């Protein structure tokens, strides 16, 4: 449970940079992970990966083949499961790294 709360806190920081507002779940006022992923911005992902040197394409907000390849390279470099999906752990890790880069 504590690990899940840490990831949720990281999500909150990650989604502060998102284009879309977060939807709050009705149950207990908590935000569901699925809602974080819906709010998650491909543009933010591309900008972050580009800043860190993993993405060299245009920042167009389209989660295409180049973005997926950049996510896989980032995941490999950070010891995450290289599946190309910017899931909870990938977003949280990237968010924390971007905070440090500021």
Protein backbone atom coordinates (compact mmCIF):
# COMPACT_ATOMS: atom_id res chain seq x y z
CA UNK A 1 0.00 0.00 0.00
CA UNK A 2 2.79 2.43 0.83
CA UNK A 3 4.43 1.77 -2.55
CA UNK A 4 1.13 2.41 -4.32
CA UNK A 5 0.75 5.72 -2.49
CA UNK A 6 4.28 6.77 -3.49
CA UNK A 7 3.51 6.00 -7.15
CA UNK A 8 0.23 7.91 -6.86
CA UNK A 9 2.08 10.92 -5.45
CA UNK A 10 4.52 10.75 -8.34
CA UNK A 11 1.59 10.59 -10.76
CA UNK A 12 0.15 13.73 -9.25
CA UNK A 13 3.40 15.56 -9.90
CA UNK A 14 3.69 14.06 -13.41
CA UNK A 15 0.19 15.09 -14.36
CA UNK A 16 0.69 18.65 -13.14
CA UNK A 17 2.39 19.17 -16.51
CA UNK A 18 -0.42 17.53 -18.50
CA UNK A 19 -2.59 19.42 -20.95
CA UNK A 20 -5.84 17.85 -19.77
CA UNK A 21 -7.41 18.16 -16.32
CA UNK A 22 -7.48 15.13 -14.05
CA UNK A 23 -10.85 13.57 -13.39
CA UNK A 24 -11.46 12.76 -9.76
CA UNK A 25 -12.99 9.43 -8.88
CA UNK A 26 -16.22 9.55 -6.93
CA UNK A 27 -15.06 6.95 -4.41
CA UNK A 28 -13.16 8.55 -1.56
CA UNK A 29 -11.98 11.50 -3.63
CA UNK A 30 -8.96 9.57 -4.93
CA UNK A 31 -7.91 9.56 -8.55
CA UNK A 32 -7.85 6.19 -10.27
CA UNK A 33 -4.68 5.23 -12.19
CA UNK A 34 -6.74 4.86 -15.39
CA UNK A 35 -7.76 8.50 -15.08
CA UNK A 36 -4.15 9.57 -14.73
CA UNK A 37 -3.33 7.73 -17.93
CA UNK A 38 -6.24 9.40 -19.75
CA UNK A 39 -4.99 12.79 -18.56
CA UNK A 40 -1.43 11.96 -19.46
CA UNK A 41 -0.20 13.94 -22.42
CA UNK A 42 1.78 12.38 -25.28
CA UNK A 43 3.15 15.84 -25.97
CA UNK A 44 4.57 16.05 -22.42
CA UNK A 45 6.08 12.60 -22.89
CA UNK A 46 7.74 13.59 -26.16
CA UNK A 47 9.04 16.87 -24.73
CA UNK A 48 10.46 15.09 -21.69
CA UNK A 49 12.11 12.34 -23.71
CA UNK A 50 13.52 14.96 -26.09
CA UNK A 51 14.96 16.97 -23.18
CA UNK A 52 16.68 13.84 -21.90
CA UNK A 53 17.99 12.91 -25.35
CA UNK A 54 15.82 9.86 -26.06
CA UNK A 55 13.51 11.37 -28.68
CA UNK A 56 14.60 13.29 -31.76
CA UNK A 57 11.34 13.60 -33.70
CA UNK A 58 8.82 16.40 -33.85
CA UNK A 59 6.82 17.08 -30.69
CA UNK A 60 3.39 16.56 -32.20
CA UNK A 61 1.50 14.77 -29.42
CA UNK A 62 1.12 11.65 -31.55
CA UNK A 63 2.12 8.41 -29.78
CA UNK A 64 3.55 6.79 -32.90
CA UNK A 65 6.43 4.45 -33.71
CA UNK A 66 9.16 7.02 -32.94
CA UNK A 67 7.67 7.85 -29.56
CA UNK A 68 7.29 4.17 -28.72
CA UNK A 69 10.92 3.51 -29.71
CA UNK A 70 12.06 6.40 -27.51
CA UNK A 71 10.02 5.05 -24.58
CA UNK A 72 11.65 1.63 -25.03
CA UNK A 73 15.14 3.18 -25.04
CA UNK A 74 14.30 5.20 -21.93
CA UNK A 75 12.94 2.12 -20.16
CA UNK A 76 16.05 0.10 -21.03
CA UNK A 77 18.34 2.88 -19.82
CA UNK A 78 16.48 3.16 -16.51
CA UNK A 79 16.16 -0.57 -15.83
CA UNK A 80 12.42 -0.67 -16.43
CA UNK A 81 10.50 -3.30 -18.39
CA UNK A 82 11.07 -2.24 -22.04
CA UNK A 83 7.54 -2.69 -23.37
CA UNK A 84 7.10 0.67 -25.10
CA UNK A 85 4.09 1.53 -22.97
CA UNK A 86 4.39 4.69 -20.87
CA UNK A 87 2.70 3.16 -17.86
CA UNK A 88 2.66 4.14 -14.21
CA UNK A 89 6.26 3.39 -13.34
CA UNK A 90 7.66 4.88 -16.55
CA UNK A 91 5.69 8.11 -16.13
CA UNK A 92 6.60 8.41 -12.45
CA UNK A 93 10.29 7.79 -13.17
CA UNK A 94 10.31 10.26 -16.05
CA UNK A 95 8.48 12.85 -13.98
CA UNK A 96 10.97 12.64 -11.13
CA UNK A 97 13.87 12.85 -13.57
CA UNK A 98 12.35 15.93 -15.23
CA UNK A 99 11.91 17.59 -11.82
CA UNK A 100 15.63 17.07 -11.17
CA UNK A 101 16.50 18.44 -14.62
CA UNK A 102 14.77 21.77 -13.90
